[in-house]
Amino acid sequence: MPVHYIYLFIAVAAETIGTSALQASQQFTRLVPSLIVVIGYGFAFYFMGLALKYMPVGIVYAIWSGLGIVFIAAIGFVVFGQKLDLPAIIGLAMILSGILVIHIFSNSSGH
C-alpha cells in the first residue's frame, strides 16, 4: 500500500477517535475526553497534511471526511446506541461507493 494511503488512514482513525471523544466530552465538560479530542484532531490534521504531499486536497478531503462519516455513524450506533434508519444507511452506502469510485477509477487519487 502506498505511504500516502497509510497517512490518510491514520488521519481518518485519529479523526474518528477525536470525534468519538467529542461526544464523550459532554461539550468539553469532561477533561480526559476533551484532551483526546484535541490530540486526536492534532494527529488527524498532521497526517492529513502528510497525505497532501502526494494527493490533491479535494481527493484527500473527500476520502477523509467520507470515511470519517461512515466510521462515526457506525461508532454512534454501536457505542452510543444511536439508531440509523434506511435512508441514512443508503446515504452511507452512497458515500462509500463514491470513495470506491475515486480510488478505483480516478487518476487524481495518487495511486
PDB file of N, CA and C in Angstrom:
ATOM      1  N   MET A   1       0.849  -1.178   0.000  1.00  0.00           N
ATOM      2  CA  MET A   1       0.000   0.000   0.000  1.00  0.00           C
ATOM      3  C   MET A   1       0.894   1.240   0.000  1.00  0.00           C
ATOM      4  N   PRO A   2       0.595   2.213  -0.872  1.00  0.00           N
ATOM      5  CA  PRO A   2       1.393   3.445  -0.914  1.00  0.00           C
ATOM      6  C   PRO A   2       1.348   4.192   0.425  1.00  0.00           C
ATOM      7  N   VAL A   3       2.445   4.856   0.758  1.00  0.00           N
ATOM      8  CA  VAL A   3       2.580   5.512   2.049  1.00  0.00           C
ATOM      9  C   VAL A   3       1.519   6.599   2.250  1.00  0.00           C
ATOM     10  N   HIS A   4       1.110   7.276   1.180  1.00  0.00           N
ATOM     11  CA  HIS A   4       0.121   8.343   1.350  1.00  0.00           C
ATOM     12  C   HIS A   4      -1.232   7.795   1.797  1.00  0.00           C
ATOM     13  N   TYR A   5      -1.565   6.566   1.413  1.00  0.00           N
ATOM     14  CA  TYR A   5      -2.801   5.966   1.903  1.00  0.00           C
ATOM     15  C   TYR A   5      -2.668   5.586   3.375  1.00  0.00           C
ATOM     16  N   ILE A   6      -1.497   5.176   3.793  1.00  0.00           N
ATOM     17  CA  ILE A   6      -1.273   4.886   5.215  1.00  0.00           C
ATOM     18  C   ILE A   6      -1.448   6.164   6.024  1.00  0.00           C
ATOM     19  N   TYR A   7      -0.845   7.258   5.554  1.00  0.00           N
ATOM     20  CA  TYR A   7      -1.025   8.543   6.235  1.00  0.00           C
ATOM     21  C   TYR A   7      -2.505   8.920   6.306  1.00  0.00           C
ATOM     22  N   LEU A   8      -3.205   8.731   5.204  1.00  0.00           N
ATOM     23  CA  LEU A   8      -4.614   9.107   5.159  1.00  0.00           C
ATOM     24  C   LEU A   8      -5.451   8.240   6.091  1.00  0.00           C
ATOM     25  N   PHE A   9      -5.178   6.949   6.151  1.00  0.00           N
ATOM     26  CA  PHE A   9      -5.938   6.077   7.051  1.00  0.00           C
ATOM     27  C   PHE A   9      -5.647   6.390   8.510  1.00  0.00           C
ATOM     28  N   ILE A  10      -4.402   6.774   8.830  1.00  0.00           N
ATOM     29  CA  ILE A  10      -4.088   7.200  10.191  1.00  0.00           C
ATOM     30  C   ILE A  10      -4.867   8.483  10.514  1.00  0.00           C
ATOM     31  N   ALA A  11      -4.931   9.398   9.548  1.00  0.00           N
ATOM     32  CA  ALA A  11      -5.685  10.637   9.747  1.00  0.00           C
ATOM     33  C   ALA A  11      -7.161  10.351   9.997  1.00  0.00           C
ATOM     34  N   VAL A  12      -7.727   9.432   9.238  1.00  0.00           N
ATOM     35  CA  VAL A  12      -9.143   9.067   9.422  1.00  0.00           C
ATOM     36  C   VAL A  12      -9.354   8.441  10.799  1.00  0.00           C
ATOM     37  N   ALA A  13      -8.453   7.543  11.189  1.00  0.00           N
ATOM     38  CA  ALA A  13      -8.583   6.899  12.502  1.00  0.00           C
ATOM     39  C   ALA A  13      -8.485   7.930  13.619  1.00  0.00           C
ATOM     40  N   ALA A  14      -7.538   8.855  13.519  1.00  0.00           N
ATOM     41  CA  ALA A  14      -7.377   9.880  14.549  1.00  0.00           C
ATOM     42  C   ALA A  14      -8.599  10.793  14.613  1.00  0.00           C
ATOM     43  N   GLU A  15      -9.132  11.152  13.457  1.00  0.00           N
ATOM     44  CA  GLU A  15     -10.336  11.988  13.423  1.00  0.00           C
ATOM     45  C   GLU A  15     -11.521  11.248  14.018  1.00  0.00           C
ATOM     46  N   THR A  16     -11.627   9.970  13.738  1.00  0.00           N
ATOM     47  CA  THR A  16     -12.723   9.165  14.281  1.00  0.00           C
ATOM     48  C   THR A  16     -12.619   9.077  15.799  1.00  0.00           C
ATOM     49  N   ILE A  17     -11.429   8.870  16.303  1.00  0.00           N
ATOM     50  CA  ILE A  17     -11.218   8.832  17.762  1.00  0.00           C
ATOM     51  C   ILE A  17     -11.552  10.192  18.367  1.00  0.00           C
ATOM     52  N   GLY A  18     -11.080  11.253  17.741  1.00  0.00           N
ATOM     53  CA  GLY A  18     -11.352  12.599  18.250  1.00  0.00           C
ATOM     54  C   GLY A  18     -12.832  12.928  18.265  1.00  0.00           C
ATOM     55  N   THR A  19     -13.540  12.576  17.217  1.00  0.00           N
ATOM     56  CA  THR A  19     -14.966  12.860  17.155  1.00  0.00           C
ATOM     57  C   THR A  19     -15.747  12.005  18.139  1.00  0.00           C
ATOM     58  N   SER A  20     -15.338  10.767  18.315  1.00  0.00           N
ATOM     59  CA  SER A  20     -15.983   9.917  19.330  1.00  0.00           C
ATOM     60  C   SER A  20     -15.779  10.502  20.723  1.00  0.00           C
ATOM     61  N   ALA A  21     -14.584  10.998  20.982  1.00  0.00           N
ATOM     62  CA  ALA A  21     -14.307  11.620  22.274  1.00  0.00           C
ATOM     63  C   ALA A  21     -15.077  12.924  22.436  1.00  0.00           C
ATOM     64  N   LEU A  22     -15.348  13.606  21.325  1.00  0.00           N
ATOM     65  CA  LEU A  22     -16.139  14.833  21.386  1.00  0.00           C
ATOM     66  C   LEU A  22     -17.525  14.550  21.962  1.00  0.00           C
ATOM     67  N   GLN A  23     -18.135  13.462  21.531  1.00  0.00           N
ATOM     68  CA  GLN A  23     -19.426  13.052  22.089  1.00  0.00           C
ATOM     69  C   GLN A  23     -19.280  12.736  23.574  1.00  0.00           C
ATOM     70  N   ALA A  24     -18.208  12.040  23.932  1.00  0.00           N
ATOM     71  CA  ALA A  24     -17.995  11.638  25.326  1.00  0.00           C
ATOM     72  C   ALA A  24     -17.581  12.810  26.221  1.00  0.00           C
ATOM     73  N   SER A  25     -17.066  13.894  25.626  1.00  0.00           N
ATOM     74  CA  SER A  25     -16.602  15.033  26.429  1.00  0.00           C
ATOM     75  C   SER A  25     -17.748  15.824  27.050  1.00  0.00           C
ATOM     76  N   GLN A  26     -18.957  15.583  26.567  1.00  0.00           N
ATOM     77  CA  GLN A  26     -20.152  16.302  27.035  1.00  0.00           C
ATOM     78  C   GLN A  26     -19.934  17.815  26.970  1.00  0.00           C
ATOM     79  N   GLN A  27     -19.705  18.282  25.752  1.00  0.00           N
ATOM     80  CA  GLN A  27     -19.476  19.694  25.443  1.00  0.00           C
ATOM     81  C   GLN A  27     -18.257  20.245  26.193  1.00  0.00           C
ATOM     82  N   PHE A  28     -17.183  19.464  26.229  1.00  0.00           N
ATOM     83  CA  PHE A  28     -15.900  19.831  26.838  1.00  0.00           C
ATOM     84  C   PHE A  28     -16.002  20.051  28.351  1.00  0.00           C
ATOM     85  N   THR A  29     -16.923  19.361  28.998  1.00  0.00           N
ATOM     86  CA  THR A  29     -17.032  19.456  30.452  1.00  0.00           C
ATOM     87  C   THR A  29     -16.286  18.329  31.161  1.00  0.00           C
ATOM     88  N   ARG A  30     -15.794  17.338  30.412  1.00  0.00           N
ATOM     89  CA  ARG A  30     -15.009  16.234  30.979  1.00  0.00           C
ATOM     90  C   ARG A  30     -13.594  16.326  30.422  1.00  0.00           C
ATOM     91  N   LEU A  31     -12.605  16.343  31.323  1.00  0.00           N
ATOM     92  CA  LEU A  31     -11.225  16.640  30.945  1.00  0.00           C
ATOM     93  C   LEU A  31     -10.606  15.602  30.011  1.00  0.00           C
ATOM     94  N   VAL A  32     -10.638  14.337  30.400  1.00  0.00           N
ATOM     95  CA  VAL A  32      -9.933  13.321  29.605  1.00  0.00           C
ATOM     96  C   VAL A  32     -10.490  13.213  28.185  1.00  0.00           C
ATOM     97  N   PRO A  33     -11.805  13.091  27.991  1.00  0.00           N
ATOM     98  CA  PRO A  33     -12.296  13.062  26.605  1.00  0.00           C
ATOM     99  C   PRO A  33     -11.979  14.349  25.839  1.00  0.00           C
ATOM    100  N   SER A  34     -11.975  15.488  26.535  1.00  0.00           N
ATOM    101  CA  SER A  34     -11.648  16.755  25.876  1.00  0.00           C
ATOM    102  C   SER A  34     -10.202  16.763  25.388  1.00  0.00           C
ATOM    103  N   LEU A  35      -9.298  16.230  26.185  1.00  0.00           N
ATOM    104  CA  LEU A  35      -7.897  16.120  25.758  1.00  0.00           C
ATOM    105  C   LEU A  35      -7.753  15.174  24.574  1.00  0.00           C
ATOM    106  N   ILE A  36      -8.509  14.083  24.587  1.00  0.00           N
ATOM    107  CA  ILE A  36      -8.470  13.135  23.461  1.00  0.00           C
ATOM    108  C   ILE A  36      -8.957  13.808  22.182  1.00  0.00           C
ATOM    109  N   VAL A  37      -9.957  14.684  22.292  1.00  0.00           N
ATOM    110  CA  VAL A  37     -10.440  15.427  21.123  1.00  0.00           C
ATOM    111  C   VAL A  37      -9.298  16.250  20.523  1.00  0.00           C
ATOM    112  N   VAL A  38      -8.632  17.025  21.348  1.00  0.00           N
ATOM    113  CA  VAL A  38      -7.574  17.910  20.865  1.00  0.00           C
ATOM    114  C   VAL A  38      -6.413  17.099  20.272  1.00  0.00           C
ATOM    115  N   ILE A  39      -5.999  16.065  20.976  1.00  0.00           N
ATOM    116  CA  ILE A  39      -4.889  15.230  20.488  1.00  0.00           C
ATOM    117  C   ILE A  39      -5.294  14.487  19.212  1.00  0.00           C
ATOM    118  N   GLY A  40      -6.511  13.938  19.196  1.00  0.00           N
ATOM    119  CA  GLY A  40      -6.991  13.211  18.014  1.00  0.00           C
ATOM    120  C   GLY A  40      -7.033  14.078  16.779  1.00  0.00           C
ATOM    121  N   TYR A  41      -7.582  15.296  16.923  1.00  0.00           N
ATOM    122  CA  TYR A  41      -7.635  16.187  15.769  1.00  0.00           C
ATOM    123  C   TYR A  41      -6.240  16.679  15.373  1.00  0.00           C
ATOM    124  N   GLY A  42      -5.364  16.856  16.359  1.00  0.00           N
ATOM    125  CA  GLY A  42      -3.980  17.230  16.039  1.00  0.00           C
ATOM    126  C   GLY A  42      -3.308  16.179  15.168  1.00  0.00           C
ATOM    127  N   PHE A  43      -3.427  14.917  15.573  1.00  0.00           N
ATOM    128  CA  PHE A  43      -2.875  13.818  14.773  1.00  0.00           C
ATOM    129  C   PHE A  43      -3.558  13.749  13.409  1.00  0.00           C
ATOM    130  N   ALA A  44      -4.874  13.924  13.390  1.00  0.00           N
ATOM    131  CA  ALA A  44      -5.625  13.829  12.130  1.00  0.00           C
ATOM    132  C   ALA A  44      -5.115  14.848  11.127  1.00  0.00           C
ATOM    133  N   PHE A  45      -4.974  16.099  11.555  1.00  0.00           N
ATOM    134  CA  PHE A  45      -4.536  17.128  10.618  1.00  0.00           C
ATOM    135  C   PHE A  45      -3.072  16.977  10.245  1.00  0.00           C
ATOM    136  N   TYR A  46      -2.252  16.507  11.166  1.00  0.00           N
ATOM    137  CA  TYR A  46      -0.843  16.269  10.840  1.00  0.00           C
ATOM    138  C   TYR A  46      -0.720  15.209   9.739  1.00  0.00           C
ATOM    139  N   PHE A  47      -1.384  14.074   9.931  1.00  0.00           N
ATOM    140  CA  PHE A  47      -1.268  13.000   8.945  1.00  0.00           C
ATOM    141  C   PHE A  47      -2.014  13.330   7.655  1.00  0.00           C
ATOM    142  N   MET A  48      -3.078  14.113   7.741  1.00  0.00           N
ATOM    143  CA  MET A  48      -3.731  14.554   6.519  1.00  0.00           C
ATOM    144  C   MET A  48      -2.781  15.460   5.743  1.00  0.00           C
ATOM    145  N   GLY A  49      -2.029  16.296   6.459  1.00  0.00           N
ATOM    146  CA  GLY A  49      -1.031  17.134   5.806  1.00  0.00           C
ATOM    147  C   GLY A  49       0.035  16.319   5.097  1.00  0.00           C
ATOM    148  N   LEU A  50       0.452  15.221   5.718  1.00  0.00           N
ATOM    149  CA  LEU A  50       1.429  14.342   5.059  1.00  0.00           C
ATOM    150  C   LEU A  50       0.848  13.730   3.787  1.00  0.00           C
ATOM    151  N   ALA A  51      -0.406  13.321   3.831  1.00  0.00           N
ATOM    152  CA  ALA A  51      -1.049  12.752   2.643  1.00  0.00           C
ATOM    153  C   ALA A  51      -1.140  13.789   1.520  1.00  0.00           C
ATOM    154  N   LEU A  52      -1.276  15.065   1.897  1.00  0.00           N
ATOM    155  CA  LEU A  52      -1.390  16.122   0.892  1.00  0.00           C
ATOM    156  C   LEU A  52      -0.105  16.335   0.098  1.00  0.00           C
ATOM    157  N   LYS A  53       1.007  15.782   0.553  1.00  0.00           N
ATOM    158  CA  LYS A  53       2.240  15.850  -0.228  1.00  0.00           C
ATOM    159  C   LYS A  53       2.128  15.020  -1.502  1.00  0.00           C
ATOM    160  N   TYR A  54       1.228  14.047  -1.504  1.00  0.00           N
ATOM    161  CA  TYR A  54       1.128  13.084  -2.605  1.00  0.00           C
ATOM    162  C   TYR A  54      -0.198  13.136  -3.355  1.00  0.00           C
ATOM    163  N   MET A  55      -1.216  13.699  -2.735  1.00  0.00           N
ATOM    164  CA  MET A  55      -2.565  13.653  -3.307  1.00  0.00           C
ATOM    165  C   MET A  55      -3.184  15.047  -3.318  1.00  0.00           C
ATOM    166  N   PRO A  56      -4.096  15.322  -4.250  1.00  0.00           N
ATOM    167  CA  PRO A  56      -4.782  16.621  -4.280  1.00  0.00           C
ATOM    168  C   PRO A  56      -5.686  16.798  -3.055  1.00  0.00           C
ATOM    169  N   VAL A  57      -5.821  18.030  -2.620  1.00  0.00           N
ATOM    170  CA  VAL A  57      -6.593  18.329  -1.414  1.00  0.00           C
ATOM    171  C   VAL A  57      -8.049  17.875  -1.529  1.00  0.00           C
ATOM    172  N   GLY A  58      -8.665  18.014  -2.678  1.00  0.00           N
ATOM    173  CA  GLY A  58     -10.059  17.612  -2.842  1.00  0.00           C
ATOM    174  C   GLY A  58     -10.257  16.118  -2.661  1.00  0.00           C
ATOM    175  N   ILE A  59      -9.326  15.339  -3.181  1.00  0.00           N
ATOM    176  CA  ILE A  59      -9.408  13.886  -3.053  1.00  0.00           C
ATOM    177  C   ILE A  59      -9.133  13.466  -1.612  1.00  0.00           C
ATOM    178  N   VAL A  60      -8.103  14.052  -0.998  1.00  0.00           N
ATOM    179  CA  VAL A  60      -7.787  13.729   0.397  1.00  0.00           C
ATOM    180  C   VAL A  60      -8.984  14.050   1.286  1.00  0.00           C
ATOM    181  N   TYR A  61      -9.552  15.230   1.099  1.00  0.00           N
ATOM    182  CA  TYR A  61     -10.661  15.636   1.959  1.00  0.00           C
ATOM    183  C   TYR A  61     -11.901  14.780   1.716  1.00  0.00           C
ATOM    184  N   ALA A  62     -12.151  14.414   0.472  1.00  0.00           N
ATOM    185  CA  ALA A  62     -13.310  13.566   0.179  1.00  0.00           C
ATOM    186  C   ALA A  62     -13.187  12.215   0.868  1.00  0.00           C
ATOM    187  N   ILE A  63     -12.013  11.610   0.780  1.00  0.00           N
ATOM    188  CA  ILE A  63     -11.805  10.307   1.406  1.00  0.00           C
ATOM    189  C   ILE A  63     -11.809  10.442   2.925  1.00  0.00           C
ATOM    190  N   TRP A  64     -11.118  11.445   3.455  1.00  0.00           N
ATOM    191  CA  TRP A  64     -11.020  11.666   4.907  1.00  0.00           C
ATOM    192  C   TRP A  64     -12.395  11.901   5.518  1.00  0.00           C
ATOM    193  N   SER A  65     -13.149  12.817   4.925  1.00  0.00           N
ATOM    194  CA  SER A  65     -14.452  13.136   5.504  1.00  0.00           C
ATOM    195  C   SER A  65     -15.456  12.013   5.267  1.00  0.00           C
ATOM    196  N   GLY A  66     -15.421  11.398   4.095  1.00  0.00           N
ATOM    197  CA  GLY A  66     -16.365  10.317   3.800  1.00  0.00           C
ATOM    198  C   GLY A  66     -16.185   9.118   4.712  1.00  0.00           C
ATOM    199  N   LEU A  67     -14.945   8.658   4.849  1.00  0.00           N
ATOM    200  CA  LEU A  67     -14.698   7.531   5.750  1.00  0.00           C
ATOM    201  C   LEU A  67     -14.983   7.914   7.196  1.00  0.00           C
ATOM    202  N   GLY A  68     -14.652   9.153   7.564  1.00  0.00           N
ATOM    203  CA  GLY A  68     -14.950   9.614   8.918  1.00  0.00           C
ATOM    204  C   GLY A  68     -16.437   9.580   9.212  1.00  0.00           C
ATOM    205  N   ILE A  69     -17.250  10.010   8.259  1.00  0.00           N
ATOM    206  CA  ILE A  69     -18.707   9.983   8.425  1.00  0.00           C
ATOM    207  C   ILE A  69     -19.198   8.556   8.646  1.00  0.00           C
ATOM    208  N   VAL A  70     -18.734   7.650   7.821  1.00  0.00           N
ATOM    209  CA  VAL A  70     -19.174   6.256   7.916  1.00  0.00           C
ATOM    210  C   VAL A  70     -18.730   5.635   9.241  1.00  0.00           C
ATOM    211  N   PHE A  71     -17.465   5.850   9.615  1.00  0.00           N
ATOM    212  CA  PHE A  71     -16.960   5.274  10.865  1.00  0.00           C
ATOM    213  C   PHE A  71     -17.667   5.864  12.078  1.00  0.00           C
ATOM    214  N   ILE A  72     -17.909   7.173  12.084  1.00  0.00           N
ATOM    215  CA  ILE A  72     -18.594   7.798  13.215  1.00  0.00           C
ATOM    216  C   ILE A  72     -20.034   7.326  13.300  1.00  0.00           C
ATOM    217  N   ALA A  73     -20.687   7.144  12.176  1.00  0.00           N
ATOM    218  CA  ALA A  73     -22.054   6.616  12.205  1.00  0.00           C
ATOM    219  C   ALA A  73     -22.066   5.216  12.806  1.00  0.00           C
ATOM    220  N   ALA A  74     -21.093   4.387  12.446  1.00  0.00           N
ATOM    221  CA  ALA A  74     -21.003   3.032  12.997  1.00  0.00           C
ATOM    222  C   ALA A  74     -20.715   3.069  14.499  1.00  0.00           C
ATOM    223  N   ILE A  75     -19.798   3.943  14.915  1.00  0.00           N
ATOM    224  CA  ILE A  75     -19.484   4.065  16.346  1.00  0.00           C
ATOM    225  C   ILE A  75     -20.695   4.608  17.105  1.00  0.00           C
ATOM    226  N   GLY A  76     -21.371   5.578  16.530  1.00  0.00           N
ATOM    227  CA  GLY A  76     -22.580   6.105  17.161  1.00  0.00           C
ATOM    228  C   GLY A  76     -23.617   5.020  17.369  1.00  0.00           C
ATOM    229  N   PHE A  77     -23.735   4.140  16.404  1.00  0.00           N
ATOM    230  CA  PHE A  77     -24.690   3.028  16.501  1.00  0.00           C
ATOM    231  C   PHE A  77     -24.261   2.025  17.567  1.00  0.00           C
ATOM    232  N   VAL A  78     -22.998   1.596  17.520  1.00  0.00           N
ATOM    233  CA  VAL A  78     -22.512   0.534  18.405  1.00  0.00           C
ATOM    234  C   VAL A  78     -22.272   1.039  19.827  1.00  0.00           C
ATOM    235  N   VAL A  79     -21.597   2.170  19.963  1.00  0.00           N
ATOM    236  CA  VAL A  79     -21.170   2.635  21.286  1.00  0.00           C
ATOM    237  C   VAL A  79     -22.222   3.505  21.962  1.00  0.00           C
ATOM    238  N   PHE A  80     -22.829   4.416  21.217  1.00  0.00           N
ATOM    239  CA  PHE A  80     -23.733   5.384  21.816  1.00  0.00           C
ATOM    240  C   PHE A  80     -25.207   5.037  21.620  1.00  0.00           C
ATOM    241  N   GLY A  81     -25.496   3.928  20.948  1.00  0.00           N
ATOM    242  CA  GLY A  81     -26.877   3.485  20.771  1.00  0.00           C
ATOM    243  C   GLY A  81     -27.709   4.369  19.860  1.00  0.00           C
ATOM    244  N   GLN A  82     -27.063   5.101  18.968  1.00  0.00           N
ATOM    245  CA  GLN A  82     -27.780   5.971  18.045  1.00  0.00           C
ATOM    246  C   GLN A  82     -28.278   5.141  16.860  1.00  0.00           C
ATOM    247  N   LYS A  83     -29.534   5.249  16.565  1.00  0.00           N
ATOM    248  CA  LYS A  83     -30.161   4.429  15.526  1.00  0.00           C
ATOM    249  C   LYS A  83     -29.997   5.059  14.146  1.00  0.00           C
ATOM    250  N   LEU A  84     -29.890   4.197  13.141  1.00  0.00           N
ATOM    251  CA  LEU A  84     -29.830   4.619  11.748  1.00  0.00           C
ATOM    252  C   LEU A  84     -31.036   4.059  11.014  1.00  0.00           C
ATOM    253  N   ASP A  85     -31.768   4.919  10.315  1.00  0.00           N
ATOM    254  CA  ASP A  85     -32.882   4.431   9.524  1.00  0.00           C
ATOM    255  C   ASP A  85     -32.398   4.069   8.117  1.00  0.00           C
ATOM    256  N   LEU A  86     -33.295   3.519   7.319  1.00  0.00           N
ATOM    257  CA  LEU A  86     -32.920   3.051   5.982  1.00  0.00           C
ATOM    258  C   LEU A  86     -32.334   4.160   5.106  1.00  0.00           C
ATOM    259  N   PRO A  87     -32.930   5.366   5.068  1.00  0.00           N
ATOM    260  CA  PRO A  87     -32.309   6.418   4.253  1.00  0.00           C
ATOM    261  C   PRO A  87     -30.884   6.755   4.710  1.00  0.00           C
ATOM    262  N   ALA A  88     -30.628   6.731   6.004  1.00  0.00           N
ATOM    263  CA  ALA A  88     -29.270   7.004   6.499  1.00  0.00           C
ATOM    264  C   ALA A  88     -28.309   5.919   6.039  1.00  0.00           C
ATOM    265  N   ILE A  89     -28.732   4.675   6.109  1.00  0.00           N
ATOM    266  CA  ILE A  89     -27.881   3.562   5.679  1.00  0.00           C
ATOM    267  C   ILE A  89     -27.607   3.644   4.182  1.00  0.00           C
ATOM    268  N   ILE A  90     -28.628   3.969   3.408  1.00  0.00           N
ATOM    269  CA  ILE A  90     -28.444   4.119   1.958  1.00  0.00           C
ATOM    270  C   ILE A  90     -27.480   5.267   1.664  1.00  0.00           C
ATOM    271  N   GLY A  91     -27.626   6.376   2.369  1.00  0.00           N
ATOM    272  CA  GLY A  91     -26.726   7.512   2.185  1.00  0.00           C
ATOM    273  C   GLY A  91     -25.286   7.161   2.514  1.00  0.00           C
ATOM    274  N   LEU A  92     -25.084   6.422   3.607  1.00  0.00           N
ATOM    275  CA  LEU A  92     -23.738   5.998   3.971  1.00  0.00           C
ATOM    276  C   LEU A  92     -23.156   5.055   2.921  1.00  0.00           C
ATOM    277  N   ALA A  93     -23.987   4.177   2.379  1.00  0.00           N
ATOM    278  CA  ALA A  93     -23.527   3.283   1.310  1.00  0.00           C
ATOM    279  C   ALA A  93     -23.129   4.085   0.066  1.00  0.00           C
ATOM    280  N   MET A  94     -23.852   5.161  -0.211  1.00  0.00           N
ATOM    281  CA  MET A  94     -23.509   6.005  -1.352  1.00  0.00           C
ATOM    282  C   MET A  94     -22.179   6.727  -1.129  1.00  0.00           C
ATOM    283  N   ILE A  95     -21.927   7.145   0.109  1.00  0.00           N
ATOM    284  CA  ILE A  95     -20.643   7.771   0.423  1.00  0.00           C
ATOM    285  C   ILE A  95     -19.510   6.781   0.182  1.00  0.00           C
ATOM    286  N   LEU A  96     -19.670   5.560   0.692  1.00  0.00           N
ATOM    287  CA  LEU A  96     -18.651   4.528   0.468  1.00  0.00           C
ATOM    288  C   LEU A  96     -18.473   4.246  -1.017  1.00  0.00           C
ATOM    289  N   SER A  97     -19.571   4.216  -1.758  1.00  0.00           N
ATOM    290  CA  SER A  97     -19.483   3.994  -3.205  1.00  0.00           C
ATOM    291  C   SER A  97     -18.691   5.102  -3.883  1.00  0.00           C
ATOM    292  N   GLY A  98     -18.910   6.331  -3.465  1.00  0.00           N
ATOM    293  CA  GLY A  98     -18.162   7.454  -4.031  1.00  0.00           C
ATOM    294  C   GLY A  98     -16.673   7.348  -3.766  1.00  0.00           C
ATOM    295  N   ILE A  99     -16.314   6.918  -2.551  1.00  0.00           N
ATOM    296  CA  ILE A  99     -14.900   6.734  -2.217  1.00  0.00           C
ATOM    297  C   ILE A  99     -14.295   5.638  -3.091  1.00  0.00           C
ATOM    298  N   LEU A 100     -15.036   4.560  -3.296  1.00  0.00           N
ATOM    299  CA  LEU A 100     -14.539   3.482  -4.162  1.00  0.00           C
ATOM    300  C   LEU A 100     -14.358   3.948  -5.604  1.00  0.00           C
ATOM    301  N   VAL A 101     -15.282   4.748  -6.108  1.00  0.00           N
ATOM    302  CA  VAL A 101     -15.158   5.275  -7.466  1.00  0.00           C
ATOM    303  C   VAL A 101     -13.888   6.106  -7.589  1.00  0.00           C
ATOM    304  N   ILE A 102     -13.642   6.968  -6.597  1.00  0.00           N
ATOM    305  CA  ILE A 102     -12.418   7.776  -6.619  1.00  0.00           C
ATOM    306  C   ILE A 102     -11.185   6.874  -6.618  1.00  0.00           C
ATOM    307  N   HIS A 103     -11.172   5.908  -5.723  1.00  0.00           N
ATOM    308  CA  HIS A 103      -9.991   5.062  -5.570  1.00  0.00           C
ATOM    309  C   HIS A 103      -9.757   4.176  -6.811  1.00  0.00           C
ATOM    310  N   ILE A 104     -10.800   3.596  -7.351  1.00  0.00           N
ATOM    311  CA  ILE A 104     -10.642   2.641  -8.439  1.00  0.00           C
ATOM    312  C   ILE A 104     -10.477   3.313  -9.804  1.00  0.00           C
ATOM    313  N   PHE A 105     -11.229   4.374 -10.052  1.00  0.00           N
ATOM    314  CA  PHE A 105     -11.297   4.911 -11.405  1.00  0.00           C
ATOM    315  C   PHE A 105     -10.579   6.252 -11.627  1.00  0.00           C
ATOM    316  N   SER A 106     -10.291   6.996 -10.555  1.00  0.00           N
ATOM    317  CA  SER A 106      -9.723   8.326 -10.735  1.00  0.00           C
ATOM    318  C   SER A 106      -8.215   8.295 -10.823  1.00  0.00           C
ATOM    319  N   ASN A 107      -7.672   9.021 -11.769  1.00  0.00           N
ATOM    320  CA  ASN A 107      -6.223   9.191 -11.852  1.00  0.00           C
ATOM    321  C   ASN A 107      -5.749  10.281 -10.890  1.00  0.00           C
ATOM    322  N   SER A 108      -6.683  11.007 -10.297  1.00  0.00           N
ATOM    323  CA  SER A 108      -6.336  12.073  -9.361  1.00  0.00           C
ATOM    324  C   SER A 108      -6.015  11.578  -7.967  1.00  0.00           C
ATOM    325  N   SER A 109      -6.316  10.300  -7.677  1.00  0.00           N
ATOM    326  CA  SER A 109      -6.185   9.815  -6.299  1.00  0.00           C
ATOM    327  C   SER A 109      -4.759   9.494  -5.911  1.00  0.00           C
ATOM    328  N   GLY A 110      -3.828   9.543  -6.805  1.00  0.00           N
ATOM    329  CA  GLY A 110      -2.426   9.378  -6.454  1.00  0.00           C
ATOM    330  C   GLY A 110      -1.970   7.951  -6.268  1.00  0.00           C
ATOM    331  N   HIS A 111      -2.667   6.986  -6.842  1.00  0.00           N
ATOM    332  CA  HIS A 111      -2.213   5.596  -6.724  1.00  0.00           C
ATOM    333  C   HIS A 111      -1.529   5.127  -7.985  1.00  0.00           C
TER     334      HIS A 111
END
